[in-house]
Amino acid sequence: MIWGSLGLAPGWNALDASEHGLNRLGFWAGAGAQTPLDGGAEAVHPADIATAERLGARVAEQAAALVAGRSALATRA
């Protein structure tokens, strides 16, 4: 397993921050979301969805770098 962080600082922990910023809940080990207890899937905050999309892009970037590195090593041998 290769662990990769979210790569974002907490987004909603300063006076000038907004609840609409990425990583608004301050997770470090992955994306997190918070919804009202009585809310359904449509109640997920747009910033939480954007944070999850950012994590997906980061994982894709890291996977591409890993594949490129393995490919480069294979061609050298």
PDB file of N, CA and C in Angstrom:
ATOM      1  N   MET A   1       0.845  -1.172   0.000  1.00  0.00           N
ATOM      2  CA  MET A   1       0.000   0.000   0.000  1.00  0.00           C
ATOM      3  C   MET A   1       0.889   1.233   0.000  1.00  0.00           C
ATOM      4  N   ILE A   2       0.482   2.198  -0.740  1.00  0.00           N
ATOM      5  CA  ILE A   2       1.143   3.500  -0.743  1.00  0.00           C
ATOM      6  C   ILE A   2       0.144   4.507  -0.195  1.00  0.00           C
ATOM      7  N   TRP A   3       0.551   5.224   0.839  1.00  0.00           N
ATOM      8  CA  TRP A   3      -0.332   6.190   1.465  1.00  0.00           C
ATOM      9  C   TRP A   3      -0.064   7.560   0.880  1.00  0.00           C
ATOM     10  N   GLY A   4      -1.119   8.245   0.507  1.00  0.00           N
ATOM     11  CA  GLY A   4      -0.998   9.616   0.022  1.00  0.00           C
ATOM     12  C   GLY A   4      -1.992  10.495   0.756  1.00  0.00           C
ATOM     13  N   SER A   5      -1.541  11.618   1.185  1.00  0.00           N
ATOM     14  CA  SER A   5      -2.424  12.524   1.921  1.00  0.00           C
ATOM     15  C   SER A   5      -3.365  13.261   0.978  1.00  0.00           C
ATOM     16  N   LEU A   6      -4.278  13.954   1.569  1.00  0.00           N
ATOM     17  CA  LEU A   6      -5.189  14.795   0.812  1.00  0.00           C
ATOM     18  C   LEU A   6      -4.435  15.964   0.176  1.00  0.00           C
ATOM     19  N   GLY A   7      -3.344  16.375   0.822  1.00  0.00           N
ATOM     20  CA  GLY A   7      -2.525  17.451   0.270  1.00  0.00           C
ATOM     21  C   GLY A   7      -3.142  18.829   0.407  1.00  0.00           C
ATOM     22  N   LEU A   8      -4.050  18.972   1.339  1.00  0.00           N
ATOM     23  CA  LEU A   8      -4.711  20.253   1.567  1.00  0.00           C
ATOM     24  C   LEU A   8      -4.674  20.599   3.046  1.00  0.00           C
ATOM     25  N   ALA A   9      -4.407  21.839   3.335  1.00  0.00           N
ATOM     26  CA  ALA A   9      -4.503  22.309   4.712  1.00  0.00           C
ATOM     27  C   ALA A   9      -5.983  22.411   5.093  1.00  0.00           C
ATOM     28  N   PRO A  10      -6.300  22.451   6.392  1.00  0.00           N
ATOM     29  CA  PRO A  10      -7.686  22.648   6.795  1.00  0.00           C
ATOM     30  C   PRO A  10      -8.238  23.930   6.185  1.00  0.00           C
ATOM     31  N   GLY A  11      -9.447  23.868   5.702  1.00  0.00           N
ATOM     32  CA  GLY A  11      -9.967  24.992   4.950  1.00  0.00           C
ATOM     33  C   GLY A  11     -10.862  25.959   5.699  1.00  0.00           C
ATOM     34  N   TRP A  12     -11.377  25.580   6.850  1.00  0.00           N
ATOM     35  CA  TRP A  12     -12.378  26.431   7.505  1.00  0.00           C
ATOM     36  C   TRP A  12     -11.994  26.634   8.963  1.00  0.00           C
ATOM     37  N   ASN A  13     -10.741  27.066   9.168  1.00  0.00           N
ATOM     38  CA  ASN A  13     -10.263  27.210  10.540  1.00  0.00           C
ATOM     39  C   ASN A  13      -9.636  28.578  10.811  1.00  0.00           C
ATOM     40  N   ALA A  14     -10.019  29.567  10.044  1.00  0.00           N
ATOM     41  CA  ALA A  14      -9.500  30.917  10.249  1.00  0.00           C
ATOM     42  C   ALA A  14     -10.652  31.910  10.089  1.00  0.00           C
ATOM     43  N   LEU A  15     -10.475  33.095  10.620  1.00  0.00           N
ATOM     44  CA  LEU A  15     -11.539  34.098  10.560  1.00  0.00           C
ATOM     45  C   LEU A  15     -11.907  34.485   9.134  1.00  0.00           C
ATOM     46  N   ASP A  16     -10.912  34.459   8.235  1.00  0.00           N
ATOM     47  CA  ASP A  16     -11.200  34.843   6.854  1.00  0.00           C
ATOM     48  C   ASP A  16     -11.518  33.645   5.970  1.00  0.00           C
ATOM     49  N   ALA A  17     -11.659  32.459   6.544  1.00  0.00           N
ATOM     50  CA  ALA A  17     -11.966  31.251   5.773  1.00  0.00           C
ATOM     51  C   ALA A  17     -13.461  31.172   5.485  1.00  0.00           C
ATOM     52  N   SER A  18     -13.793  30.296   4.574  1.00  0.00           N
ATOM     53  CA  SER A  18     -15.184  30.125   4.176  1.00  0.00           C
ATOM     54  C   SER A  18     -15.569  28.655   4.268  1.00  0.00           C
ATOM     55  N   GLU A  19     -16.814  28.391   4.561  1.00  0.00           N
ATOM     56  CA  GLU A  19     -17.292  27.018   4.579  1.00  0.00           C
ATOM     57  C   GLU A  19     -17.278  26.403   3.175  1.00  0.00           C
ATOM     58  N   HIS A  20     -17.038  27.213   2.170  1.00  0.00           N
ATOM     59  CA  HIS A  20     -17.034  26.732   0.796  1.00  0.00           C
ATOM     60  C   HIS A  20     -15.647  26.352   0.300  1.00  0.00           C
ATOM     61  N   GLY A  21     -14.630  26.466   1.150  1.00  0.00           N
ATOM     62  CA  GLY A  21     -13.268  26.112   0.776  1.00  0.00           C
ATOM     63  C   GLY A  21     -13.049  24.602   0.779  1.00  0.00           C
ATOM     64  N   LEU A  22     -12.035  24.174   0.049  1.00  0.00           N
ATOM     65  CA  LEU A  22     -11.683  22.756   0.043  1.00  0.00           C
ATOM     66  C   LEU A  22     -11.219  22.329   1.426  1.00  0.00           C
ATOM     67  N   ASN A  23     -11.476  21.089   1.770  1.00  0.00           N
ATOM     68  CA  ASN A  23     -11.117  20.497   3.060  1.00  0.00           C
ATOM     69  C   ASN A  23     -11.647  21.323   4.221  1.00  0.00           C
ATOM     70  N   ARG A  24     -12.883  21.747   4.107  1.00  0.00           N
ATOM     71  CA  ARG A  24     -13.489  22.618   5.114  1.00  0.00           C
ATOM     72  C   ARG A  24     -13.546  21.983   6.489  1.00  0.00           C
ATOM     73  N   LEU A  25     -13.545  20.650   6.578  1.00  0.00           N
ATOM     74  CA  LEU A  25     -13.635  19.968   7.868  1.00  0.00           C
ATOM     75  C   LEU A  25     -12.275  19.597   8.444  1.00  0.00           C
ATOM     76  N   GLY A  26     -11.207  19.816   7.690  1.00  0.00           N
ATOM     77  CA  GLY A  26      -9.861  19.631   8.213  1.00  0.00           C
ATOM     78  C   GLY A  26      -9.363  18.202   8.281  1.00  0.00           C
ATOM     79  N   PHE A  27      -9.749  17.351   7.370  1.00  0.00           N
ATOM     80  CA  PHE A  27      -9.265  15.974   7.359  1.00  0.00           C
ATOM     81  C   PHE A  27      -7.858  15.903   6.789  1.00  0.00           C
ATOM     82  N   TRP A  28      -7.053  14.961   7.287  1.00  0.00           N
ATOM     83  CA  TRP A  28      -5.682  14.784   6.809  1.00  0.00           C
ATOM     84  C   TRP A  28      -5.502  13.462   6.080  1.00  0.00           C
ATOM     85  N   ALA A  29      -6.226  12.439   6.464  1.00  0.00           N
ATOM     86  CA  ALA A  29      -5.996  11.091   5.931  1.00  0.00           C
ATOM     87  C   ALA A  29      -6.958  10.721   4.805  1.00  0.00           C
ATOM     88  N   GLY A  30      -7.673  11.657   4.285  1.00  0.00           N
ATOM     89  CA  GLY A  30      -8.629  11.383   3.217  1.00  0.00           C
ATOM     90  C   GLY A  30      -9.710  12.443   3.209  1.00  0.00           C
ATOM     91  N   ALA A  31     -10.654  12.277   2.337  1.00  0.00           N
ATOM     92  CA  ALA A  31     -11.748  13.243   2.244  1.00  0.00           C
ATOM     93  C   ALA A  31     -12.823  12.900   3.267  1.00  0.00           C
ATOM     94  N   GLY A  32     -13.460  13.899   3.808  1.00  0.00           N
ATOM     95  CA  GLY A  32     -14.548  13.694   4.750  1.00  0.00           C
ATOM     96  C   GLY A  32     -15.704  14.620   4.407  1.00  0.00           C
ATOM     97  N   ALA A  33     -16.875  14.234   4.824  1.00  0.00           N
ATOM     98  CA  ALA A  33     -18.064  15.044   4.571  1.00  0.00           C
ATOM     99  C   ALA A  33     -18.946  15.023   5.812  1.00  0.00           C
ATOM    100  N   GLN A  34     -19.747  16.040   5.937  1.00  0.00           N
ATOM    101  CA  GLN A  34     -20.693  16.106   7.039  1.00  0.00           C
ATOM    102  C   GLN A  34     -22.030  16.538   6.474  1.00  0.00           C
ATOM    103  N   THR A  35     -23.066  15.798   6.822  1.00  0.00           N
ATOM    104  CA  THR A  35     -24.415  16.138   6.373  1.00  0.00           C
ATOM    105  C   THR A  35     -25.356  16.132   7.578  1.00  0.00           C
ATOM    106  N   PRO A  36     -26.478  16.812   7.454  1.00  0.00           N
ATOM    107  CA  PRO A  36     -27.462  16.758   8.537  1.00  0.00           C
ATOM    108  C   PRO A  36     -27.964  15.321   8.718  1.00  0.00           C
ATOM    109  N   LEU A  37     -28.281  14.952   9.940  1.00  0.00           N
ATOM    110  CA  LEU A  37     -28.743  13.615  10.244  1.00  0.00           C
ATOM    111  C   LEU A  37     -29.949  13.226   9.400  1.00  0.00           C
ATOM    112  N   ASP A  38     -30.822  14.161   9.149  1.00  0.00           N
ATOM    113  CA  ASP A  38     -32.030  13.863   8.393  1.00  0.00           C
ATOM    114  C   ASP A  38     -31.900  14.200   6.912  1.00  0.00           C
ATOM    115  N   GLY A  39     -30.693  14.478   6.439  1.00  0.00           N
ATOM    116  CA  GLY A  39     -30.473  14.799   5.029  1.00  0.00           C
ATOM    117  C   GLY A  39     -30.065  13.567   4.249  1.00  0.00           C
ATOM    118  N   GLY A  40     -30.392  13.541   2.997  1.00  0.00           N
ATOM    119  CA  GLY A  40     -29.997  12.447   2.121  1.00  0.00           C
ATOM    120  C   GLY A  40     -28.728  12.802   1.369  1.00  0.00           C
ATOM    121  N   ALA A  41     -28.478  12.059   0.311  1.00  0.00           N
ATOM    122  CA  ALA A  41     -27.273  12.274  -0.491  1.00  0.00           C
ATOM    123  C   ALA A  41     -27.229  13.683  -1.077  1.00  0.00           C
ATOM    124  N   GLU A  42     -28.365  14.258  -1.349  1.00  0.00           N
ATOM    125  CA  GLU A  42     -28.409  15.611  -1.918  1.00  0.00           C
ATOM    126  C   GLU A  42     -27.996  16.681  -0.911  1.00  0.00           C
ATOM    127  N   ALA A  43     -27.880  16.310   0.372  1.00  0.00           N
ATOM    128  CA  ALA A  43     -27.512  17.271   1.413  1.00  0.00           C
ATOM    129  C   ALA A  43     -26.001  17.412   1.579  1.00  0.00           C
ATOM    130  N   VAL A  44     -25.213  16.650   0.823  1.00  0.00           N
ATOM    131  CA  VAL A  44     -23.759  16.751   0.934  1.00  0.00           C
ATOM    132  C   VAL A  44     -23.324  18.136   0.473  1.00  0.00           C
ATOM    133  N   HIS A  45     -22.495  18.780   1.265  1.00  0.00           N
ATOM    134  CA  HIS A  45     -22.040  20.138   0.970  1.00  0.00           C
ATOM    135  C   HIS A  45     -21.199  20.131  -0.311  1.00  0.00           C
ATOM    136  N   PRO A  46     -21.394  21.084  -1.209  1.00  0.00           N
ATOM    137  CA  PRO A  46     -20.612  21.139  -2.454  1.00  0.00           C
ATOM    138  C   PRO A  46     -19.095  21.198  -2.220  1.00  0.00           C
ATOM    139  N   ALA A  47     -18.662  21.818  -1.119  1.00  0.00           N
ATOM    140  CA  ALA A  47     -17.232  21.871  -0.823  1.00  0.00           C
ATOM    141  C   ALA A  47     -16.690  20.483  -0.483  1.00  0.00           C
ATOM    142  N   ASP A  48     -17.513  19.644   0.152  1.00  0.00           N
ATOM    143  CA  ASP A  48     -17.088  18.278   0.463  1.00  0.00           C
ATOM    144  C   ASP A  48     -16.968  17.451  -0.815  1.00  0.00           C
ATOM    145  N   ILE A  49     -17.860  17.660  -1.735  1.00  0.00           N
ATOM    146  CA  ILE A  49     -17.786  16.965  -3.022  1.00  0.00           C
ATOM    147  C   ILE A  49     -16.552  17.417  -3.790  1.00  0.00           C
ATOM    148  N   ALA A  50     -16.281  18.715  -3.793  1.00  0.00           N
ATOM    149  CA  ALA A  50     -15.091  19.238  -4.473  1.00  0.00           C
ATOM    150  C   ALA A  50     -13.810  18.700  -3.839  1.00  0.00           C
ATOM    151  N   THR A  51     -13.807  18.536  -2.509  1.00  0.00           N
ATOM    152  CA  THR A  51     -12.647  17.988  -1.823  1.00  0.00           C
ATOM    153  C   THR A  51     -12.429  16.535  -2.230  1.00  0.00           C
ATOM    154  N   ALA A  52     -13.498  15.763  -2.312  1.00  0.00           N
ATOM    155  CA  ALA A  52     -13.388  14.366  -2.748  1.00  0.00           C
ATOM    156  C   ALA A  52     -12.886  14.280  -4.186  1.00  0.00           C
ATOM    157  N   GLU A  53     -13.353  15.175  -5.037  1.00  0.00           N
ATOM    158  CA  GLU A  53     -12.868  15.206  -6.423  1.00  0.00           C
ATOM    159  C   GLU A  53     -11.385  15.542  -6.467  1.00  0.00           C
ATOM    160  N   ARG A  54     -10.953  16.443  -5.607  1.00  0.00           N
ATOM    161  CA  ARG A  54      -9.531  16.808  -5.528  1.00  0.00           C
ATOM    162  C   ARG A  54      -8.698  15.617  -5.082  1.00  0.00           C
ATOM    163  N   LEU A  55      -9.209  14.863  -4.112  1.00  0.00           N
ATOM    164  CA  LEU A  55      -8.504  13.661  -3.664  1.00  0.00           C
ATOM    165  C   LEU A  55      -8.408  12.650  -4.799  1.00  0.00           C
ATOM    166  N   GLY A  56      -9.484  12.467  -5.555  1.00  0.00           N
ATOM    167  CA  GLY A  56      -9.452  11.540  -6.686  1.00  0.00           C
ATOM    168  C   GLY A  56      -8.412  11.944  -7.717  1.00  0.00           C
ATOM    169  N   ALA A  57      -8.310  13.229  -7.998  1.00  0.00           N
ATOM    170  CA  ALA A  57      -7.305  13.717  -8.946  1.00  0.00           C
ATOM    171  C   ALA A  57      -5.904  13.499  -8.397  1.00  0.00           C
ATOM    172  N   ARG A  58      -5.722  13.695  -7.098  1.00  0.00           N
ATOM    173  CA  ARG A  58      -4.408  13.497  -6.486  1.00  0.00           C
ATOM    174  C   ARG A  58      -3.999  12.028  -6.541  1.00  0.00           C
ATOM    175  N   VAL A  59      -4.929  11.127  -6.281  1.00  0.00           N
ATOM    176  CA  VAL A  59      -4.638   9.690  -6.364  1.00  0.00           C
ATOM    177  C   VAL A  59      -4.278   9.315  -7.800  1.00  0.00           C
ATOM    178  N   ALA A  60      -5.001   9.855  -8.772  1.00  0.00           N
ATOM    179  CA  ALA A  60      -4.704   9.570 -10.180  1.00  0.00           C
ATOM    180  C   ALA A  60      -3.314  10.079 -10.558  1.00  0.00           C
ATOM    181  N   GLU A  61      -2.951  11.259 -10.078  1.00  0.00           N
ATOM    182  CA  GLU A  61      -1.614  11.808 -10.358  1.00  0.00           C
ATOM    183  C   GLU A  61      -0.522  10.928  -9.758  1.00  0.00           C
ATOM    184  N   GLN A  62      -0.724  10.499  -8.524  1.00  0.00           N
ATOM    185  CA  GLN A  62       0.267   9.660  -7.856  1.00  0.00           C
ATOM    186  C   GLN A  62       0.379   8.298  -8.543  1.00  0.00           C
ATOM    187  N   ALA A  63      -0.738   7.728  -8.964  1.00  0.00           N
ATOM    188  CA  ALA A  63      -0.722   6.445  -9.668  1.00  0.00           C
ATOM    189  C   ALA A  63       0.020   6.575 -10.998  1.00  0.00           C
ATOM    190  N   ALA A  64      -0.207   7.666 -11.717  1.00  0.00           N
ATOM    191  CA  ALA A  64       0.486   7.888 -12.993  1.00  0.00           C
ATOM    192  C   ALA A  64       1.990   8.026 -12.777  1.00  0.00           C
ATOM    193  N   ALA A  65       2.387   8.710 -11.713  1.00  0.00           N
ATOM    194  CA  ALA A  65       3.814   8.859 -11.410  1.00  0.00           C
ATOM    195  C   ALA A  65       4.437   7.505 -11.068  1.00  0.00           C
ATOM    196  N   LEU A  66       3.712   6.685 -10.321  1.00  0.00           N
ATOM    197  CA  LEU A  66       4.204   5.362  -9.969  1.00  0.00           C
ATOM    198  C   LEU A  66       4.366   4.488 -11.216  1.00  0.00           C
ATOM    199  N   VAL A  67       3.382   4.501 -12.090  1.00  0.00           N
ATOM    200  CA  VAL A  67       3.455   3.719 -13.328  1.00  0.00           C
ATOM    201  C   VAL A  67       4.599   4.208 -14.203  1.00  0.00           C
ATOM    202  N   ALA A  68       4.762   5.518 -14.317  1.00  0.00           N
ATOM    203  CA  ALA A  68       5.855   6.072 -15.129  1.00  0.00           C
ATOM    204  C   ALA A  68       7.203   5.663 -14.563  1.00  0.00           C
ATOM    205  N   GLY A  69       7.343   5.684 -13.253  1.00  0.00           N
ATOM    206  CA  GLY A  69       8.605   5.289 -12.623  1.00  0.00           C
ATOM    207  C   GLY A  69       8.904   3.823 -12.846  1.00  0.00           C
ATOM    208  N   ARG A  70       7.900   2.973 -12.712  1.00  0.00           N
ATOM    209  CA  ARG A  70       8.103   1.540 -12.963  1.00  0.00           C
ATOM    210  C   ARG A  70       8.446   1.285 -14.406  1.00  0.00           C
ATOM    211  N   SER A  71       7.807   2.014 -15.300  1.00  0.00           N
ATOM    212  CA  SER A  71       8.083   1.861 -16.734  1.00  0.00           C
ATOM    213  C   SER A  71       9.513   2.279 -17.049  1.00  0.00           C
ATOM    214  N   ALA A  72       9.951   3.390 -16.460  1.00  0.00           N
ATOM    215  CA  ALA A  72      11.325   3.877 -16.688  1.00  0.00           C
ATOM    216  C   ALA A  72      12.333   2.863 -16.170  1.00  0.00           C
ATOM    217  N   LEU A  73      12.062   2.260 -15.031  1.00  0.00           N
ATOM    218  CA  LEU A  73      12.974   1.269 -14.488  1.00  0.00           C
ATOM    219  C   LEU A  73      13.012   0.015 -15.364  1.00  0.00           C
ATOM    220  N   ALA A  74      11.878  -0.369 -15.906  1.00  0.00           N
ATOM    221  CA  ALA A  74      11.814  -1.566 -16.744  1.00  0.00           C
ATOM    222  C   ALA A  74      12.576  -1.391 -18.049  1.00  0.00           C
ATOM    223  N   THR A  75      12.565  -0.185 -18.589  1.00  0.00           N
ATOM    224  CA  THR A  75      13.254   0.050 -19.863  1.00  0.00           C
ATOM    225  C   THR A  75      14.763   0.173 -19.666  1.00  0.00           C
ATOM    226  N   ARG A  76      15.211   0.459 -18.448  1.00  0.00           N
ATOM    227  CA  ARG A  76      16.651   0.590 -18.159  1.00  0.00           C
ATOM    228  C   ARG A  76      17.305  -0.775 -18.010  1.00  0.00           C
ATOM    229  N   ALA A  77      16.521  -1.775 -17.627  1.00  0.00           N
ATOM    230  CA  ALA A  77      17.098  -3.097 -17.332  1.00  0.00           C
ATOM    231  C   ALA A  77      17.475  -3.871 -18.579  1.00  0.00           C
TER     232      ALA A  77
END
